[in-house]
Amino acid sequence: MMKHCLTFIFLLSFGIFQACRTTISPSMDPKAIIASYVDDGHTADFQKLTRLNLALAETGQLADKAFHYTQAGSDGIFAPWAMTVQTGELLSDIYWSMGHIAYAQRMAMETNVLYEGDYDPAMMKRLIETNLIYGDYDVAQKYIDILEQDKTCHKFATTHRRFLNNDEAIEADPILGPKRKCIPEKDFISLVRGIDEDLKDIIRANPSYHNAIEYLGVIYLLDCEMDKFKAMLDEFYGTEALPELPASFAEAACMLSEIDHNYWKEVGVSQRTYNRYREFTKRLGTGLSMDKFNDTFWYYIMRVNNQ
């Protein structure tokens, strides 16, 4: 990674860049993304759905409201990597939101390489942030030096110069500090074991960073991996990582109670949610409309089973 970073900086230092363009990261205005999203009941546009789920995560609503929208498995969490700048930016933002610093950095690097005779300002900023988080101050400084020469990016670069060789400032920063805590103490080879294993290591490293467990649980539910979801609850429920269950997790816990009848009580599901689940199950196969449940994980499972 370091070799590629320095190679990229070397090319830039020889003037292979133009004036910095304004690039709006998908996570820049999550409230606007949510407000403007139109759910037409189809999920062919995975990038659009991925942006929505990213916006939900960035506003702390992913595990509560993901199933208020038509979903399409975990493809709605990770837009397919199409080797384009657009998807590269999006994927880097997703990993950044998860607290997966290694892959946020990797996607930023790959996206920059796709630029012809230019660099991606949003991803250059991401590379400054990730290298500061890792404590790779020499590399971060080289990126800062480059962006300080650009009028559009100058303010960001100058603002981040104060973090160089300053662990205390990084750890106190509301953005960089929590992200640094997400780096597991024991190194792992990112994504080799699966994104879920990486996310579990991030959760263990920084249980207060709730985006990671919301993504983990929602990925399991989107792919209907109920055994893995239950194992996640068994490890993390009642801890700092998951002191109480968000809506979709509580709905899934009701389904798990078909096997262990008291499970919903053990994980703090409300009587109201459980009663609603019982009403849902009674309607199945009766021909009665199920639309009143279309904002639940149960409805999603029903749709998946009927496809």
Protein backbone atom coordinates (compact mmCIF):
# COMPACT_ATOMS: atom_id res chain seq x y z
CA MET A 1 0.00 0.00 0.00
CA MET A 2 2.78 2.44 0.95
CA LYS A 3 4.58 1.80 -2.37
CA HIS A 4 1.44 2.57 -4.36
CA CYS A 5 0.76 5.71 -2.31
CA LEU A 6 4.23 7.07 -2.97
CA THR A 7 4.03 6.18 -6.67
CA PHE A 8 0.80 8.11 -6.99
CA ILE A 9 2.28 11.10 -5.15
CA PHE A 10 5.36 10.95 -7.40
CA LEU A 11 3.20 11.23 -10.51
CA LEU A 12 1.24 14.12 -9.08
CA SER A 13 4.41 15.97 -8.14
CA PHE A 14 5.30 16.09 -11.83
CA GLY A 15 2.20 18.07 -12.58
CA ILE A 16 -0.14 15.31 -13.75
CA PHE A 17 -3.18 17.03 -12.28
CA GLN A 18 -5.50 19.87 -13.16
CA ALA A 19 -7.58 22.32 -11.18
CA CYS A 20 -9.46 20.56 -8.37
CA ARG A 21 -13.06 19.85 -9.31
CA THR A 22 -15.86 19.90 -6.80
CA THR A 23 -16.95 16.31 -6.23
CA ILE A 24 -19.93 15.68 -3.97
CA SER A 25 -19.43 12.49 -1.98
CA PRO A 26 -22.58 10.36 -1.70
CA SER A 27 -22.50 10.73 2.08
CA MET A 28 -22.17 14.53 2.03
CA ASP A 29 -25.90 15.24 2.35
CA PRO A 30 -27.58 12.05 3.59
CA LYS A 31 -30.81 13.78 4.62
CA ALA A 32 -31.31 15.06 1.08
CA ILE A 33 -30.66 11.59 -0.36
CA ILE A 34 -33.29 10.07 1.93
CA ALA A 35 -35.83 12.83 1.30
CA SER A 36 -35.49 12.58 -2.49
CA TYR A 37 -35.49 8.78 -2.72
CA VAL A 38 -38.42 7.35 -4.66
CA ASP A 39 -39.18 3.69 -3.91
CA ASP A 40 -40.90 2.30 -6.99
CA GLY A 41 -40.84 -1.28 -5.75
CA HIS A 42 -37.96 -2.25 -8.06
CA THR A 43 -34.29 -2.64 -7.20
CA ALA A 44 -32.48 -2.69 -10.52
CA ASP A 45 -30.58 0.51 -9.69
CA PHE A 46 -28.18 -0.84 -7.09
CA GLN A 47 -26.17 2.38 -6.93
CA LYS A 48 -29.28 4.34 -6.04
CA LEU A 49 -30.22 1.82 -3.36
CA THR A 50 -26.66 1.70 -2.05
CA ARG A 51 -26.63 5.49 -1.69
CA LEU A 52 -29.90 5.31 0.23
CA ASN A 53 -28.55 2.68 2.63
CA LEU A 54 -25.37 4.70 3.11
CA ALA A 55 -27.47 7.77 3.90
CA LEU A 56 -29.51 5.76 6.41
CA ALA A 57 -26.31 4.56 8.07
CA GLU A 58 -24.86 8.06 8.25
CA THR A 59 -28.02 9.32 9.98
CA GLY A 60 -28.15 6.40 12.42
CA GLN A 61 -31.22 4.83 10.82
CA LEU A 62 -29.95 1.84 8.85
CA ALA A 63 -31.01 -0.91 11.25
CA ASP A 64 -34.27 0.85 12.09
CA LYS A 65 -35.45 1.77 8.59
CA ALA A 66 -33.66 -0.31 5.95
CA PHE A 67 -36.75 -2.47 5.48
CA HIS A 68 -39.01 0.53 5.04
CA TYR A 69 -37.68 0.42 1.47
CA THR A 70 -37.58 -2.27 -1.22
CA GLN A 71 -34.28 -4.08 -0.71
CA ALA A 72 -32.32 -6.53 -2.84
CA GLY A 73 -29.98 -8.54 -0.63
CA SER A 74 -26.53 -7.28 0.25
CA ASP A 75 -26.15 -5.95 -3.32
CA GLY A 76 -28.05 -2.99 -1.91
CA ILE A 77 -25.25 -2.41 0.58
CA PHE A 78 -22.37 -2.77 -1.87
CA ALA A 79 -23.00 -1.48 -5.37
CA PRO A 80 -21.13 -3.75 -7.83
CA TRP A 81 -17.57 -2.52 -8.41
CA ALA A 82 -17.83 -1.32 -12.01
CA MET A 83 -14.26 0.05 -12.23
CA THR A 84 -15.60 3.59 -12.52
CA VAL A 85 -14.85 6.70 -10.51
CA GLN A 86 -18.48 6.92 -9.46
CA THR A 87 -18.65 3.43 -7.97
CA GLY A 88 -15.16 3.79 -6.50
CA GLU A 89 -16.15 6.92 -4.60
CA LEU A 90 -19.32 5.25 -3.41
CA LEU A 91 -17.56 2.12 -2.17
CA SER A 92 -14.88 4.14 -0.40
CA ASP A 93 -17.63 6.10 1.35
CA ILE A 94 -19.40 2.89 2.38
CA TYR A 95 -16.27 1.37 3.91
CA TRP A 96 -15.53 4.71 5.59
CA SER A 97 -19.03 4.69 7.09
CA MET A 98 -18.50 1.11 8.32
CA GLY A 99 -15.25 2.07 10.01
CA HIS A 100 -13.33 -0.20 7.63
CA ILE A 101 -10.39 2.15 7.17
CA ALA A 102 -8.22 -0.26 5.19
CA TYR A 103 -10.77 -0.70 2.40
CA ALA A 104 -11.88 2.93 2.44
CA GLN A 105 -8.26 3.75 1.69
CA ARG A 106 -7.87 1.04 -0.93
CA MET A 107 -10.95 2.17 -2.85
CA ALA A 108 -9.74 5.77 -2.69
CA MET A 109 -6.44 4.70 -4.23
CA GLU A 110 -8.11 2.66 -6.97
CA THR A 111 -10.49 5.50 -7.78
CA ASN A 112 -7.63 7.96 -8.10
CA VAL A 113 -5.87 5.62 -10.52
CA LEU A 114 -8.96 5.64 -12.76
CA TYR A 115 -8.67 9.39 -13.27
CA GLU A 116 -6.95 10.34 -16.52
CA GLY A 117 -4.50 13.18 -16.03
CA ASP A 118 -6.24 14.31 -12.85
CA TYR A 119 -7.02 13.28 -9.30
CA ASP A 120 -10.29 12.89 -7.47
CA PRO A 121 -10.47 15.63 -4.82
CA ALA A 122 -12.87 13.70 -2.58
CA MET A 123 -10.62 10.65 -2.66
CA MET A 124 -7.49 12.72 -2.12
CA LYS A 125 -9.13 14.03 1.04
CA ARG A 126 -9.97 10.46 2.01
CA LEU A 127 -6.31 9.50 1.57
CA ILE A 128 -5.25 12.35 3.85
CA GLU A 129 -7.75 11.20 6.48
CA THR A 130 -6.88 7.50 6.32
CA ASN A 131 -3.14 8.08 6.44
CA LEU A 132 -3.57 10.38 9.43
CA ILE A 133 -5.66 7.68 11.12
CA TYR A 134 -2.97 5.07 10.50
CA GLY A 135 -0.26 7.44 11.70
CA ASP A 136 1.43 7.41 8.29
CA TYR A 137 2.29 11.07 8.68
CA ASP A 138 4.92 11.33 5.95
CA VAL A 139 2.44 10.07 3.34
CA ALA A 140 -0.37 12.27 4.71
CA GLN A 141 1.91 15.29 4.51
CA LYS A 142 2.70 14.67 0.85
CA TYR A 143 -1.04 14.59 0.02
CA ILE A 144 -1.59 17.73 2.09
CA ASP A 145 1.25 19.48 0.24
CA ILE A 146 -0.43 18.67 -3.07
CA LEU A 147 -3.93 19.83 -2.09
CA GLU A 148 -2.63 23.04 -0.52
CA GLN A 149 -1.61 24.10 -4.01
CA ASP A 150 -5.22 23.96 -5.14
CA LYS A 151 -7.57 26.82 -4.35
CA THR A 152 -10.63 24.58 -4.00
CA CYS A 153 -8.99 22.08 -1.68
CA HIS A 154 -6.59 24.42 0.10
CA LYS A 155 -8.75 24.98 3.19
CA PHE A 156 -9.26 21.25 3.82
CA ALA A 157 -5.55 20.52 3.41
CA THR A 158 -4.46 23.36 5.67
CA THR A 159 -6.99 22.41 8.33
CA HIS A 160 -5.68 18.85 8.41
CA ARG A 161 -2.02 19.86 8.61
CA ARG A 162 -2.43 20.36 12.37
CA PHE A 163 -2.95 16.60 12.77
CA LEU A 164 0.49 15.70 11.43
CA ASN A 165 2.54 13.97 14.15
CA ASN A 166 -0.18 14.83 16.63
CA ASP A 167 -1.80 11.66 17.96
CA GLU A 168 -3.55 13.58 20.73
CA ALA A 169 -5.31 15.88 18.27
CA ILE A 170 -6.39 12.95 16.08
CA GLU A 171 -7.78 10.99 19.01
CA ALA A 172 -9.72 14.06 20.20
CA ASP A 173 -11.17 14.79 16.76
CA PRO A 174 -14.86 13.77 16.42
CA ILE A 175 -14.28 12.22 12.98
CA LEU A 176 -10.73 10.90 12.98
CA GLY A 177 -10.71 9.78 16.62
CA PRO A 178 -13.55 7.22 16.46
CA LYS A 179 -12.29 5.94 13.11
CA ARG A 180 -8.80 5.34 14.53
CA LYS A 181 -10.35 3.30 17.35
CA CYS A 182 -11.98 1.07 14.69
CA ILE A 183 -8.60 -0.35 13.66
CA PRO A 184 -8.34 -3.83 15.21
CA GLU A 185 -5.33 -4.46 17.44
CA LYS A 186 -4.58 -7.65 15.52
CA ASP A 187 -3.97 -7.08 11.83
CA PHE A 188 -6.19 -8.93 9.38
CA ILE A 189 -6.19 -9.31 5.63
CA SER A 190 -9.21 -7.24 4.67
CA LEU A 191 -12.18 -9.10 3.19
CA VAL A 192 -10.33 -12.42 2.87
CA ARG A 193 -12.53 -13.92 5.59
CA GLY A 194 -15.61 -11.99 4.48
CA ILE A 195 -16.83 -8.51 5.31
CA ASP A 196 -18.77 -9.85 8.29
CA GLU A 197 -15.63 -11.10 10.02
CA ASP A 198 -13.93 -7.76 9.42
CA LEU A 199 -16.93 -5.92 10.84
CA LYS A 200 -16.92 -8.10 13.96
CA ASP A 201 -13.26 -7.20 14.54
CA ILE A 202 -14.13 -3.51 14.10
CA ILE A 203 -16.99 -3.83 16.61
CA ARG A 204 -14.70 -5.52 19.15
CA ALA A 205 -12.09 -2.80 18.65
CA ASN A 206 -14.57 0.07 19.01
CA PRO A 207 -17.94 -1.05 20.42
CA SER A 208 -19.15 2.55 20.63
CA TYR A 209 -18.99 2.88 16.82
CA HIS A 210 -22.52 1.66 16.10
CA ASN A 211 -22.42 1.93 12.30
CA ALA A 212 -20.36 -1.26 12.19
CA ILE A 213 -22.89 -3.45 14.02
CA GLU A 214 -25.82 -1.91 12.15
CA TYR A 215 -24.17 -2.78 8.84
CA LEU A 216 -23.26 -6.27 10.07
CA GLY A 217 -26.75 -7.12 11.25
CA VAL A 218 -28.49 -5.66 8.20
CA ILE A 219 -26.17 -7.56 5.84
CA TYR A 220 -27.05 -10.81 7.62
CA LEU A 221 -30.76 -10.02 7.40
CA LEU A 222 -30.64 -8.97 3.76
CA ASP A 223 -29.00 -12.29 2.90
CA CYS A 224 -31.33 -14.21 5.25
CA GLU A 225 -28.42 -15.62 7.26
CA MET A 226 -30.37 -16.10 10.48
CA ASP A 227 -27.85 -18.41 12.19
CA LYS A 228 -25.10 -15.82 11.78
CA PHE A 229 -27.46 -13.07 12.87
CA LYS A 230 -28.32 -14.95 16.07
CA ALA A 231 -24.63 -15.56 16.76
CA MET A 232 -24.10 -11.80 16.43
CA LEU A 233 -26.88 -11.11 18.95
CA ASP A 234 -25.51 -13.75 21.32
CA GLU A 235 -22.11 -12.08 21.31
CA PHE A 236 -23.03 -8.40 21.29
CA TYR A 237 -26.53 -7.88 22.70
CA GLY A 238 -26.45 -6.12 26.06
CA THR A 239 -22.93 -4.79 25.49
CA GLU A 240 -21.83 -1.29 24.57
CA ALA A 241 -21.97 -2.33 20.92
CA LEU A 242 -25.67 -3.28 21.08
CA PRO A 243 -27.35 -2.16 24.31
CA GLU A 244 -30.79 -2.54 22.74
CA LEU A 245 -32.17 -3.85 19.48
CA PRO A 246 -33.07 -1.50 16.62
CA ALA A 247 -36.36 -2.21 14.84
CA SER A 248 -35.23 -4.71 12.18
CA PHE A 249 -33.11 -6.64 14.69
CA ALA A 250 -36.10 -6.90 17.04
CA GLU A 251 -38.26 -8.14 14.16
CA ALA A 252 -35.70 -10.80 13.30
CA ALA A 253 -35.52 -11.83 16.96
CA CYS A 254 -39.27 -12.48 16.85
CA MET A 255 -38.71 -14.96 14.04
CA LEU A 256 -35.95 -16.66 16.01
CA SER A 257 -38.48 -17.12 18.79
CA GLU A 258 -40.27 -19.72 16.67
CA ILE A 259 -37.48 -22.07 17.81
CA ASP A 260 -36.73 -20.61 21.26
CA HIS A 261 -40.11 -19.30 22.38
CA ASN A 262 -38.75 -16.93 25.03
CA TYR A 263 -35.91 -15.55 22.91
CA TRP A 264 -37.73 -12.32 22.11
CA LYS A 265 -37.97 -11.57 25.83
CA GLU A 266 -34.32 -12.42 26.45
CA VAL A 267 -33.18 -9.79 23.93
CA GLY A 268 -35.57 -7.07 25.04
CA VAL A 269 -38.14 -7.10 22.22
CA SER A 270 -41.23 -5.13 23.20
CA GLN A 271 -44.59 -6.81 23.65
CA ARG A 272 -45.98 -4.49 20.98
CA THR A 273 -43.45 -5.69 18.38
CA TYR A 274 -44.01 -9.34 19.28
CA ASN A 275 -47.80 -8.93 19.08
CA ARG A 276 -47.41 -7.37 15.65
CA TYR A 277 -45.33 -10.36 14.57
CA ARG A 278 -48.02 -12.77 15.77
CA GLU A 279 -50.57 -10.81 13.76
CA PHE A 280 -48.31 -11.07 10.71
CA THR A 281 -47.97 -14.85 11.04
CA LYS A 282 -51.73 -15.31 11.47
CA ARG A 283 -52.37 -13.48 8.19
CA LEU A 284 -49.93 -15.61 6.19
CA GLY A 285 -51.73 -17.81 3.69
CA THR A 286 -55.15 -16.29 4.41
CA GLY A 287 -55.34 -14.09 1.34
CA LEU A 288 -55.60 -10.99 3.52
CA SER A 289 -53.50 -8.00 2.52
CA MET A 290 -50.05 -7.92 4.10
CA ASP A 291 -49.31 -4.35 3.05
CA LYS A 292 -49.60 -3.01 6.60
CA PHE A 293 -46.37 -4.91 7.32
CA ASN A 294 -44.43 -3.63 4.31
CA ASP A 295 -42.02 -1.72 6.57
CA THR A 296 -40.79 -4.86 8.32
CA PHE A 297 -38.12 -7.52 7.96
CA TRP A 298 -40.91 -10.13 7.98
CA TYR A 299 -42.41 -8.64 4.82
CA TYR A 300 -38.98 -8.67 3.16
CA ILE A 301 -38.56 -12.37 4.00
CA MET A 302 -42.02 -13.09 2.60
CA ARG A 303 -41.13 -11.34 -0.67
CA VAL A 304 -37.83 -13.23 -0.93
CA ASN A 305 -39.58 -16.58 -0.37
CA ASN A 306 -42.21 -15.76 -3.00
CA GLN A 307 -39.71 -14.86 -5.74
